[in-house]
Amino acid sequence: MWPRLLYRDLMETSVRELKARLSHYLKLAARGEQITVTSRGRPLVRLVQAAQPSGDEEPSPKEIQRRLAAIPGIVLGQPGKIRGSKHPIKIREGEKTLAEIVLEDRR
């Protein structure tokens, strides 16, 4: 089954055809054509060209940090060497370490 050309820059194809010729449809979408993927004749998704970023510059590290800090639930780490716990767990004589337990469980 070949894709149907609906109107300028809009194609329709089935999931089976998309899977068989994925590279072809990705190239078409990259050129700016819109491809509607159907399943049993019903529209499922649309492939479109990815939005081009406005500007060629990457955000600065400070801008990235500002954006991350603005996301709820994100806690930024502190710079410097990572230290161990202030109160490490004491392993008694004869007890297995966590690493030993994990290795034993994997066998």
PDB file of N, CA and C in Angstrom:
ATOM      1  N   MET A   1       0.848  -1.185   0.000  1.00  0.00           N
ATOM      2  CA  MET A   1       0.000   0.000   0.000  1.00  0.00           C
ATOM      3  C   MET A   1       0.889   1.242   0.000  1.00  0.00           C
ATOM      4  N   TRP A   2       0.743   2.084  -0.969  1.00  0.00           N
ATOM      5  CA  TRP A   2       1.537   3.294  -1.062  1.00  0.00           C
ATOM      6  C   TRP A   2       0.831   4.435  -0.360  1.00  0.00           C
ATOM      7  N   PRO A   3       1.578   5.403   0.105  1.00  0.00           N
ATOM      8  CA  PRO A   3       0.964   6.522   0.825  1.00  0.00           C
ATOM      9  C   PRO A   3       0.057   7.325  -0.098  1.00  0.00           C
ATOM     10  N   ARG A   4      -0.980   7.852   0.487  1.00  0.00           N
ATOM     11  CA  ARG A   4      -1.902   8.690  -0.278  1.00  0.00           C
ATOM     12  C   ARG A   4      -1.537  10.150  -0.080  1.00  0.00           C
ATOM     13  N   LEU A   5      -1.453  10.878  -1.162  1.00  0.00           N
ATOM     14  CA  LEU A   5      -1.181  12.307  -1.097  1.00  0.00           C
ATOM     15  C   LEU A   5      -2.512  13.008  -0.940  1.00  0.00           C
ATOM     16  N   LEU A   6      -2.761  13.597   0.228  1.00  0.00           N
ATOM     17  CA  LEU A   6      -4.041  14.230   0.494  1.00  0.00           C
ATOM     18  C   LEU A   6      -4.099  15.619  -0.125  1.00  0.00           C
ATOM     19  N   TYR A   7      -3.165  16.451   0.192  1.00  0.00           N
ATOM     20  CA  TYR A   7      -2.997  17.747  -0.430  1.00  0.00           C
ATOM     21  C   TYR A   7      -1.569  18.168  -0.211  1.00  0.00           C
ATOM     22  N   ARG A   8      -1.183  19.291  -0.738  1.00  0.00           N
ATOM     23  CA  ARG A   8       0.218  19.699  -0.734  1.00  0.00           C
ATOM     24  C   ARG A   8       0.851  19.554   0.652  1.00  0.00           C
ATOM     25  N   ASP A   9       1.957  18.851   0.701  1.00  0.00           N
ATOM     26  CA  ASP A   9       2.768  18.655   1.905  1.00  0.00           C
ATOM     27  C   ASP A   9       2.050  17.893   3.020  1.00  0.00           C
ATOM     28  N   LEU A  10       1.002  17.126   2.688  1.00  0.00           N
ATOM     29  CA  LEU A  10       0.362  16.311   3.705  1.00  0.00           C
ATOM     30  C   LEU A  10       0.113  14.930   3.119  1.00  0.00           C
ATOM     31  N   MET A  11       0.740  13.920   3.690  1.00  0.00           N
ATOM     32  CA  MET A  11       0.592  12.550   3.224  1.00  0.00           C
ATOM     33  C   MET A  11      -0.072  11.721   4.304  1.00  0.00           C
ATOM     34  N   GLU A  12      -0.619  10.594   3.886  1.00  0.00           N
ATOM     35  CA  GLU A  12      -1.208   9.663   4.822  1.00  0.00           C
ATOM     36  C   GLU A  12      -0.645   8.281   4.516  1.00  0.00           C
ATOM     37  N   THR A  13      -0.254   7.565   5.564  1.00  0.00           N
ATOM     38  CA  THR A  13       0.284   6.225   5.392  1.00  0.00           C
ATOM     39  C   THR A  13      -0.115   5.362   6.572  1.00  0.00           C
ATOM     40  N   SER A  14      -0.063   4.064   6.385  1.00  0.00           N
ATOM     41  CA  SER A  14      -0.425   3.140   7.454  1.00  0.00           C
ATOM     42  C   SER A  14       0.791   2.865   8.351  1.00  0.00           C
ATOM     43  N   VAL A  15       0.519   2.309   9.514  1.00  0.00           N
ATOM     44  CA  VAL A  15       1.594   1.955  10.440  1.00  0.00           C
ATOM     45  C   VAL A  15       2.517   0.925   9.792  1.00  0.00           C
ATOM     46  N   ARG A  16       1.937  -0.036   9.092  1.00  0.00           N
ATOM     47  CA  ARG A  16       2.739  -1.071   8.439  1.00  0.00           C
ATOM     48  C   ARG A  16       3.691  -0.461   7.418  1.00  0.00           C
ATOM     49  N   GLU A  17       3.178   0.448   6.596  1.00  0.00           N
ATOM     50  CA  GLU A  17       4.017   1.096   5.582  1.00  0.00           C
ATOM     51  C   GLU A  17       5.088   1.960   6.240  1.00  0.00           C
ATOM     52  N   LEU A  18       4.731   2.644   7.314  1.00  0.00           N
ATOM     53  CA  LEU A  18       5.701   3.476   8.030  1.00  0.00           C
ATOM     54  C   LEU A  18       6.845   2.613   8.566  1.00  0.00           C
ATOM     55  N   LYS A  19       6.523   1.467   9.164  1.00  0.00           N
ATOM     56  CA  LYS A  19       7.552   0.585   9.694  1.00  0.00           C
ATOM     57  C   LYS A  19       8.455   0.060   8.585  1.00  0.00           C
ATOM     58  N   ALA A  20       7.868  -0.228   7.437  1.00  0.00           N
ATOM     59  CA  ALA A  20       8.646  -0.782   6.337  1.00  0.00           C
ATOM     60  C   ALA A  20       9.572   0.252   5.700  1.00  0.00           C
ATOM     61  N   ARG A  21       9.173   1.524   5.715  1.00  0.00           N
ATOM     62  CA  ARG A  21       9.951   2.555   5.023  1.00  0.00           C
ATOM     63  C   ARG A  21      10.204   3.765   5.931  1.00  0.00           C
ATOM     64  N   LEU A  22      10.575   3.501   7.179  1.00  0.00           N
ATOM     65  CA  LEU A  22      10.738   4.561   8.168  1.00  0.00           C
ATOM     66  C   LEU A  22      11.717   5.634   7.723  1.00  0.00           C
ATOM     67  N   SER A  23      12.875   5.255   7.207  1.00  0.00           N
ATOM     68  CA  SER A  23      13.875   6.245   6.786  1.00  0.00           C
ATOM     69  C   SER A  23      13.304   7.187   5.734  1.00  0.00           C
ATOM     70  N   HIS A  24      12.557   6.646   4.798  1.00  0.00           N
ATOM     71  CA  HIS A  24      11.950   7.465   3.738  1.00  0.00           C
ATOM     72  C   HIS A  24      11.014   8.515   4.337  1.00  0.00           C
ATOM     73  N   TYR A  25      10.148   8.092   5.260  1.00  0.00           N
ATOM     74  CA  TYR A  25       9.187   9.028   5.841  1.00  0.00           C
ATOM     75  C   TYR A  25       9.859  10.055   6.756  1.00  0.00           C
ATOM     76  N   LEU A  26      10.934   9.649   7.422  1.00  0.00           N
ATOM     77  CA  LEU A  26      11.671  10.620   8.239  1.00  0.00           C
ATOM     78  C   LEU A  26      12.314  11.689   7.361  1.00  0.00           C
ATOM     79  N   LYS A  27      12.824  11.293   6.210  1.00  0.00           N
ATOM     80  CA  LYS A  27      13.400  12.273   5.276  1.00  0.00           C
ATOM     81  C   LYS A  27      12.329  13.217   4.759  1.00  0.00           C
ATOM     82  N   LEU A  28      11.152  12.683   4.442  1.00  0.00           N
ATOM     83  CA  LEU A  28      10.061  13.541   3.975  1.00  0.00           C
ATOM     84  C   LEU A  28       9.651  14.548   5.047  1.00  0.00           C
ATOM     85  N   ALA A  29       9.534  14.075   6.291  1.00  0.00           N
ATOM     86  CA  ALA A  29       9.159  14.965   7.390  1.00  0.00           C
ATOM     87  C   ALA A  29      10.236  16.022   7.618  1.00  0.00           C
ATOM     88  N   ALA A  30      11.503  15.640   7.487  1.00  0.00           N
ATOM     89  CA  ALA A  30      12.605  16.597   7.668  1.00  0.00           C
ATOM     90  C   ALA A  30      12.576  17.670   6.591  1.00  0.00           C
ATOM     91  N   ARG A  31      12.063  17.325   5.404  1.00  0.00           N
ATOM     92  CA  ARG A  31      11.946  18.315   4.330  1.00  0.00           C
ATOM     93  C   ARG A  31      10.769  19.261   4.543  1.00  0.00           C
ATOM     94  N   GLY A  32       9.907  18.956   5.485  1.00  0.00           N
ATOM     95  CA  GLY A  32       8.798  19.845   5.775  1.00  0.00           C
ATOM     96  C   GLY A  32       7.428  19.271   5.468  1.00  0.00           C
ATOM     97  N   GLU A  33       7.374  18.058   4.955  1.00  0.00           N
ATOM     98  CA  GLU A  33       6.076  17.455   4.660  1.00  0.00           C
ATOM     99  C   GLU A  33       5.464  16.893   5.935  1.00  0.00           C
ATOM    100  N   GLN A  34       4.142  16.940   6.014  1.00  0.00           N
ATOM    101  CA  GLN A  34       3.424  16.375   7.149  1.00  0.00           C
ATOM    102  C   GLN A  34       2.897  15.011   6.749  1.00  0.00           C
ATOM    103  N   ILE A  35       3.152  14.009   7.574  1.00  0.00           N
ATOM    104  CA  ILE A  35       2.719  12.653   7.284  1.00  0.00           C
ATOM    105  C   ILE A  35       1.799  12.196   8.400  1.00  0.00           C
ATOM    106  N   THR A  36       0.568  11.867   8.046  1.00  0.00           N
ATOM    107  CA  THR A  36      -0.384  11.340   9.012  1.00  0.00           C
ATOM    108  C   THR A  36      -0.304   9.825   8.973  1.00  0.00           C
ATOM    109  N   VAL A  37      -0.065   9.216  10.124  1.00  0.00           N
ATOM    110  CA  VAL A  37       0.034   7.764  10.225  1.00  0.00           C
ATOM    111  C   VAL A  37      -1.317   7.250  10.700  1.00  0.00           C
ATOM    112  N   THR A  38      -1.848   6.261   9.978  1.00  0.00           N
ATOM    113  CA  THR A  38      -3.164   5.729  10.296  1.00  0.00           C
ATOM    114  C   THR A  38      -3.066   4.289  10.773  1.00  0.00           C
ATOM    115  N   SER A  39      -4.029   3.905  11.577  1.00  0.00           N
ATOM    116  CA  SER A  39      -4.171   2.531  12.017  1.00  0.00           C
ATOM    117  C   SER A  39      -5.600   2.122  11.713  1.00  0.00           C
ATOM    118  N   ARG A  40      -5.749   1.150  10.822  1.00  0.00           N
ATOM    119  CA  ARG A  40      -7.062   0.691  10.378  1.00  0.00           C
ATOM    120  C   ARG A  40      -7.898   1.835   9.812  1.00  0.00           C
ATOM    121  N   GLY A  41      -7.223   2.706   9.085  1.00  0.00           N
ATOM    122  CA  GLY A  41      -7.900   3.800   8.410  1.00  0.00           C
ATOM    123  C   GLY A  41      -8.171   5.026   9.259  1.00  0.00           C
ATOM    124  N   ARG A  42      -7.853   4.958  10.538  1.00  0.00           N
ATOM    125  CA  ARG A  42      -8.093   6.102  11.424  1.00  0.00           C
ATOM    126  C   ARG A  42      -6.775   6.806  11.715  1.00  0.00           C
ATOM    127  N   PRO A  43      -6.763   8.143  11.675  1.00  0.00           N
ATOM    128  CA  PRO A  43      -5.528   8.880  11.980  1.00  0.00           C
ATOM    129  C   PRO A  43      -5.048   8.576  13.397  1.00  0.00           C
ATOM    130  N   LEU A  44      -3.756   8.313  13.514  1.00  0.00           N
ATOM    131  CA  LEU A  44      -3.176   7.953  14.799  1.00  0.00           C
ATOM    132  C   LEU A  44      -2.220   9.033  15.290  1.00  0.00           C
ATOM    133  N   VAL A  45      -1.215   9.360  14.475  1.00  0.00           N
ATOM    134  CA  VAL A  45      -0.238  10.398  14.815  1.00  0.00           C
ATOM    135  C   VAL A  45       0.157  11.137  13.546  1.00  0.00           C
ATOM    136  N   ARG A  46       0.870  12.243  13.723  1.00  0.00           N
ATOM    137  CA  ARG A  46       1.361  13.006  12.584  1.00  0.00           C
ATOM    138  C   ARG A  46       2.849  13.251  12.753  1.00  0.00           C
ATOM    139  N   LEU A  47       3.617  12.953  11.710  1.00  0.00           N
ATOM    140  CA  LEU A  47       5.046  13.254  11.688  1.00  0.00           C
ATOM    141  C   LEU A  47       5.221  14.624  11.060  1.00  0.00           C
ATOM    142  N   VAL A  48       5.915  15.498  11.749  1.00  0.00           N
ATOM    143  CA  VAL A  48       6.192  16.836  11.228  1.00  0.00           C
ATOM    144  C   VAL A  48       7.650  17.167  11.474  1.00  0.00           C
ATOM    145  N   GLN A  49       8.131  18.165  10.786  1.00  0.00           N
ATOM    146  CA  GLN A  49       9.510  18.608  10.950  1.00  0.00           C
ATOM    147  C   GLN A  49       9.695  19.175  12.350  1.00  0.00           C
ATOM    148  N   ALA A  50      10.811  18.842  12.972  1.00  0.00           N
ATOM    149  CA  ALA A  50      11.116  19.358  14.305  1.00  0.00           C
ATOM    150  C   ALA A  50      11.319  20.859  14.234  1.00  0.00           C
ATOM    151  N   ALA A  51      10.892  21.561  15.268  1.00  0.00           N
ATOM    152  CA  ALA A  51      11.057  23.007  15.313  1.00  0.00           C
ATOM    153  C   ALA A  51      12.534  23.360  15.392  1.00  0.00           C
ATOM    154  N   GLN A  52      12.946  24.311  14.600  1.00  0.00           N
ATOM    155  CA  GLN A  52      14.328  24.755  14.615  1.00  0.00           C
ATOM    156  C   GLN A  52      14.518  25.716  15.787  1.00  0.00           C
ATOM    157  N   PRO A  53      15.587  25.553  16.561  1.00  0.00           N
ATOM    158  CA  PRO A  53      15.817  26.470  17.674  1.00  0.00           C
ATOM    159  C   PRO A  53      16.042  27.886  17.172  1.00  0.00           C
ATOM    160  N   SER A  54      15.506  28.844  17.929  1.00  0.00           N
ATOM    161  CA  SER A  54      15.678  30.242  17.533  1.00  0.00           C
ATOM    162  C   SER A  54      17.042  30.718  18.005  1.00  0.00           C
ATOM    163  N   GLY A  55      17.968  30.796  17.097  1.00  0.00           N
ATOM    164  CA  GLY A  55      19.330  31.205  17.450  1.00  0.00           C
ATOM    165  C   GLY A  55      20.257  30.015  17.452  1.00  0.00           C
ATOM    166  N   ASP A  56      21.497  30.278  17.130  1.00  0.00           N
ATOM    167  CA  ASP A  56      22.468  29.204  17.036  1.00  0.00           C
ATOM    168  C   ASP A  56      23.254  29.001  18.326  1.00  0.00           C
ATOM    169  N   GLU A  57      23.062  29.878  19.289  1.00  0.00           N
ATOM    170  CA  GLU A  57      23.844  29.813  20.520  1.00  0.00           C
ATOM    171  C   GLU A  57      23.218  28.846  21.512  1.00  0.00           C
ATOM    172  N   GLU A  58      24.071  28.122  22.213  1.00  0.00           N
ATOM    173  CA  GLU A  58      23.611  27.258  23.284  1.00  0.00           C
ATOM    174  C   GLU A  58      23.470  28.102  24.546  1.00  0.00           C
ATOM    175  N   PRO A  59      22.551  27.741  25.437  1.00  0.00           N
ATOM    176  CA  PRO A  59      22.422  28.508  26.671  1.00  0.00           C
ATOM    177  C   PRO A  59      23.680  28.374  27.532  1.00  0.00           C
ATOM    178  N   SER A  60      23.971  29.408  28.269  1.00  0.00           N
ATOM    179  CA  SER A  60      25.150  29.396  29.135  1.00  0.00           C
ATOM    180  C   SER A  60      24.913  28.452  30.310  1.00  0.00           C
ATOM    181  N   PRO A  61      25.988  28.019  30.969  1.00  0.00           N
ATOM    182  CA  PRO A  61      25.811  27.148  32.141  1.00  0.00           C
ATOM    183  C   PRO A  61      24.941  27.786  33.227  1.00  0.00           C
ATOM    184  N   LYS A  62      25.062  29.104  33.404  1.00  0.00           N
ATOM    185  CA  LYS A  62      24.229  29.784  34.402  1.00  0.00           C
ATOM    186  C   LYS A  62      22.756  29.730  34.000  1.00  0.00           C
ATOM    187  N   GLU A  63      22.474  29.882  32.694  1.00  0.00           N
ATOM    188  CA  GLU A  63      21.099  29.817  32.211  1.00  0.00           C
ATOM    189  C   GLU A  63      20.532  28.419  32.383  1.00  0.00           C
ATOM    190  N   ILE A  64      21.338  27.409  32.122  1.00  0.00           N
ATOM    191  CA  ILE A  64      20.897  26.028  32.304  1.00  0.00           C
ATOM    192  C   ILE A  64      20.584  25.775  33.774  1.00  0.00           C
ATOM    193  N   GLN A  65      21.452  26.254  34.660  1.00  0.00           N
ATOM    194  CA  GLN A  65      21.238  26.076  36.093  1.00  0.00           C
ATOM    195  C   GLN A  65      19.977  26.811  36.537  1.00  0.00           C
ATOM    196  N   ARG A  66      19.736  28.006  35.990  1.00  0.00           N
ATOM    197  CA  ARG A  66      18.531  28.767  36.332  1.00  0.00           C
ATOM    198  C   ARG A  66      17.276  28.023  35.891  1.00  0.00           C
ATOM    199  N   ARG A  67      17.323  27.445  34.676  1.00  0.00           N
ATOM    200  CA  ARG A  67      16.168  26.703  34.166  1.00  0.00           C
ATOM    201  C   ARG A  67      15.897  25.453  34.995  1.00  0.00           C
ATOM    202  N   LEU A  68      16.966  24.741  35.371  1.00  0.00           N
ATOM    203  CA  LEU A  68      16.792  23.547  36.192  1.00  0.00           C
ATOM    204  C   LEU A  68      16.225  23.888  37.560  1.00  0.00           C
ATOM    205  N   ALA A  69      16.706  24.972  38.168  1.00  0.00           N
ATOM    206  CA  ALA A  69      16.241  25.373  39.490  1.00  0.00           C
ATOM    207  C   ALA A  69      14.767  25.773  39.462  1.00  0.00           C
ATOM    208  N   ALA A  70      14.270  26.200  38.310  1.00  0.00           N
ATOM    209  CA  ALA A  70      12.873  26.626  38.192  1.00  0.00           C
ATOM    210  C   ALA A  70      11.912  25.446  38.102  1.00  0.00           C
ATOM    211  N   ILE A  71      12.423  24.245  37.863  1.00  0.00           N
ATOM    212  CA  ILE A  71      11.568  23.065  37.744  1.00  0.00           C
ATOM    213  C   ILE A  71      11.221  22.568  39.146  1.00  0.00           C
ATOM    214  N   PRO A  72       9.921  22.419  39.453  1.00  0.00           N
ATOM    215  CA  PRO A  72       9.534  21.932  40.784  1.00  0.00           C
ATOM    216  C   PRO A  72      10.065  20.518  41.017  1.00  0.00           C
ATOM    217  N   GLY A  73      10.584  20.281  42.211  1.00  0.00           N
ATOM    218  CA  GLY A  73      11.082  18.960  42.568  1.00  0.00           C
ATOM    219  C   GLY A  73      12.547  18.740  42.261  1.00  0.00           C
ATOM    220  N   ILE A  74      13.192  19.669  41.560  1.00  0.00           N
ATOM    221  CA  ILE A  74      14.609  19.539  41.235  1.00  0.00           C
ATOM    222  C   ILE A  74      15.424  20.210  42.338  1.00  0.00           C
ATOM    223  N   VAL A  75      16.357  19.463  42.910  1.00  0.00           N
ATOM    224  CA  VAL A  75      17.260  20.002  43.927  1.00  0.00           C
ATOM    225  C   VAL A  75      18.658  19.944  43.340  1.00  0.00           C
ATOM    226  N   LEU A  76      19.256  21.093  43.146  1.00  0.00           N
ATOM    227  CA  LEU A  76      20.587  21.154  42.563  1.00  0.00           C
ATOM    228  C   LEU A  76      21.637  20.786  43.600  1.00  0.00           C
ATOM    229  N   GLY A  77      22.632  20.041  43.172  1.00  0.00           N
ATOM    230  CA  GLY A  77      23.701  19.619  44.058  1.00  0.00           C
ATOM    231  C   GLY A  77      24.677  20.750  44.332  1.00  0.00           C
ATOM    232  N   GLN A  78      25.472  20.570  45.350  1.00  0.00           N
ATOM    233  CA  GLN A  78      26.487  21.547  45.708  1.00  0.00           C
ATOM    234  C   GLN A  78      27.803  21.161  45.043  1.00  0.00           C
ATOM    235  N   PRO A  79      28.591  22.136  44.636  1.00  0.00           N
ATOM    236  CA  PRO A  79      29.874  21.806  44.012  1.00  0.00           C
ATOM    237  C   PRO A  79      30.845  21.236  45.039  1.00  0.00           C
ATOM    238  N   GLY A  80      31.833  20.522  44.535  1.00  0.00           N
ATOM    239  CA  GLY A  80      32.857  19.973  45.417  1.00  0.00           C
ATOM    240  C   GLY A  80      32.831  18.458  45.425  1.00  0.00           C
ATOM    241  N   LYS A  81      33.752  17.893  46.183  1.00  0.00           N
ATOM    242  CA  LYS A  81      33.890  16.453  46.255  1.00  0.00           C
ATOM    243  C   LYS A  81      32.736  15.847  47.053  1.00  0.00           C
ATOM    244  N   ILE A  82      32.247  14.724  46.570  1.00  0.00           N
ATOM    245  CA  ILE A  82      31.170  14.035  47.264  1.00  0.00           C
ATOM    246  C   ILE A  82      31.759  13.338  48.482  1.00  0.00           C
ATOM    247  N   ARG A  83      31.160  13.543  49.611  1.00  0.00           N
ATOM    248  CA  ARG A  83      31.622  12.949  50.858  1.00  0.00           C
ATOM    249  C   ARG A  83      30.687  11.811  51.255  1.00  0.00           C
ATOM    250  N   GLY A  84      31.177  10.918  52.059  1.00  0.00           N
ATOM    251  CA  GLY A  84      30.349   9.832  52.574  1.00  0.00           C
ATOM    252  C   GLY A  84      29.395  10.346  53.642  1.00  0.00           C
ATOM    253  N   SER A  85      28.625   9.428  54.188  1.00  0.00           N
ATOM    254  CA  SER A  85      27.667   9.771  55.229  1.00  0.00           C
ATOM    255  C   SER A  85      28.392  10.202  56.505  1.00  0.00           C
ATOM    256  N   LYS A  86      27.776  11.104  57.234  1.00  0.00           N
ATOM    257  CA  LYS A  86      28.347  11.519  58.522  1.00  0.00           C
ATOM    258  C   LYS A  86      28.187  10.418  59.562  1.00  0.00           C
ATOM    259  N   HIS A  87      27.176   9.568  59.356  1.00  0.00           N
ATOM    260  CA  HIS A  87      26.898   8.478  60.288  1.00  0.00           C
ATOM    261  C   HIS A  87      26.818   7.160  59.507  1.00  0.00           C
ATOM    262  N   PRO A  88      27.972   6.603  59.116  1.00  0.00           N
ATOM    263  CA  PRO A  88      27.933   5.361  58.328  1.00  0.00           C
ATOM    264  C   PRO A  88      27.421   4.187  59.162  1.00  0.00           C
ATOM    265  N   ILE A  89      26.845   3.216  58.471  1.00  0.00           N
ATOM    266  CA  ILE A  89      26.333   2.026  59.137  1.00  0.00           C
ATOM    267  C   ILE A  89      27.510   1.127  59.501  1.00  0.00           C
ATOM    268  N   LYS A  90      27.519   0.666  60.728  1.00  0.00           N
ATOM    269  CA  LYS A  90      28.570  -0.242  61.203  1.00  0.00           C
ATOM    270  C   LYS A  90      28.167  -1.670  60.866  1.00  0.00           C
ATOM    271  N   ILE A  91      29.072  -2.409  60.243  1.00  0.00           N
ATOM    272  CA  ILE A  91      28.816  -3.805  59.915  1.00  0.00           C
ATOM    273  C   ILE A  91      29.500  -4.654  60.970  1.00  0.00           C
ATOM    274  N   ARG A  92      28.692  -5.451  61.651  1.00  0.00           N
ATOM    275  CA  ARG A  92      29.230  -6.283  62.726  1.00  0.00           C
ATOM    276  C   ARG A  92      29.947  -7.502  62.170  1.00  0.00           C
ATOM    277  N   GLU A  93      30.714  -8.124  63.005  1.00  0.00           N
ATOM    278  CA  GLU A  93      31.447  -9.336  62.646  1.00  0.00           C
ATOM    279  C   GLU A  93      30.470 -10.418  62.207  1.00  0.00           C
ATOM    280  N   GLY A  94      30.717 -10.984  61.036  1.00  0.00           N
ATOM    281  CA  GLY A  94      29.876 -12.057  60.528  1.00  0.00           C
ATOM    282  C   GLY A  94      28.724 -11.585  59.650  1.00  0.00           C
ATOM    283  N   GLU A  95      28.381 -10.295  59.637  1.00  0.00           N
ATOM    284  CA  GLU A  95      27.311  -9.774  58.783  1.00  0.00           C
ATOM    285  C   GLU A  95      27.841  -9.550  57.378  1.00  0.00           C
ATOM    286  N   LYS A  96      26.957  -9.649  56.406  1.00  0.00           N
ATOM    287  CA  LYS A  96      27.332  -9.435  55.020  1.00  0.00           C
ATOM    288  C   LYS A  96      27.137  -7.968  54.646  1.00  0.00           C
ATOM    289  N   THR A  97      27.992  -7.493  53.775  1.00  0.00           N
ATOM    290  CA  THR A  97      27.826  -6.137  53.271  1.00  0.00           C
ATOM    291  C   THR A  97      26.728  -6.144  52.215  1.00  0.00           C
ATOM    292  N   LEU A  98      26.230  -4.985  51.867  1.00  0.00           N
ATOM    293  CA  LEU A  98      25.187  -4.868  50.843  1.00  0.00           C
ATOM    294  C   LEU A  98      25.689  -5.414  49.514  1.00  0.00           C
ATOM    295  N   ALA A  99      26.930  -5.142  49.170  1.00  0.00           N
ATOM    296  CA  ALA A  99      27.500  -5.641  47.918  1.00  0.00           C
ATOM    297  C   ALA A  99      27.503  -7.163  47.887  1.00  0.00           C
ATOM    298  N   GLU A 100      27.838  -7.777  49.003  1.00  0.00           N
ATOM    299  CA  GLU A 100      27.841  -9.242  49.083  1.00  0.00           C
ATOM    300  C   GLU A 100      26.432  -9.806  48.934  1.00  0.00           C
ATOM    301  N   ILE A 101      25.456  -9.149  49.528  1.00  0.00           N
ATOM    302  CA  ILE A 101      24.064  -9.598  49.437  1.00  0.00           C
ATOM    303  C   ILE A 101      23.569  -9.505  47.997  1.00  0.00           C
ATOM    304  N   VAL A 102      23.897  -8.416  47.325  1.00  0.00           N
ATOM    305  CA  VAL A 102      23.469  -8.239  45.933  1.00  0.00           C
ATOM    306  C   VAL A 102      24.111  -9.281  45.050  1.00  0.00           C
ATOM    307  N   LEU A 103      25.416  -9.497  45.204  1.00  0.00           N
ATOM    308  CA  LEU A 103      26.097 -10.508  44.398  1.00  0.00           C
ATOM    309  C   LEU A 103      25.538 -11.907  44.629  1.00  0.00           C
ATOM    310  N   GLU A 104      25.220 -12.213  45.876  1.00  0.00           N
ATOM    311  CA  GLU A 104      24.652 -13.507  46.203  1.00  0.00           C
ATOM    312  C   GLU A 104      23.266 -13.662  45.582  1.00  0.00           C
ATOM    313  N   ASP A 105      22.482 -12.604  45.581  1.00  0.00           N
ATOM    314  CA  ASP A 105      21.137 -12.628  45.010  1.00  0.00           C
ATOM    315  C   ASP A 105      21.161 -12.795  43.510  1.00  0.00           C
ATOM    316  N   ARG A 106      22.200 -12.341  42.854  1.00  0.00           N
ATOM    317  CA  ARG A 106      22.300 -12.417  41.395  1.00  0.00           C
ATOM    318  C   ARG A 106      22.655 -13.819  40.906  1.00  0.00           C
ATOM    319  N   ARG A 107      23.137 -14.665  41.773  1.00  0.00           N
ATOM    320  CA  ARG A 107      23.551 -16.012  41.375  1.00  0.00           C
ATOM    321  C   ARG A 107      22.396 -16.920  41.143  1.00  0.00           C
TER     322      ARG A 107
END
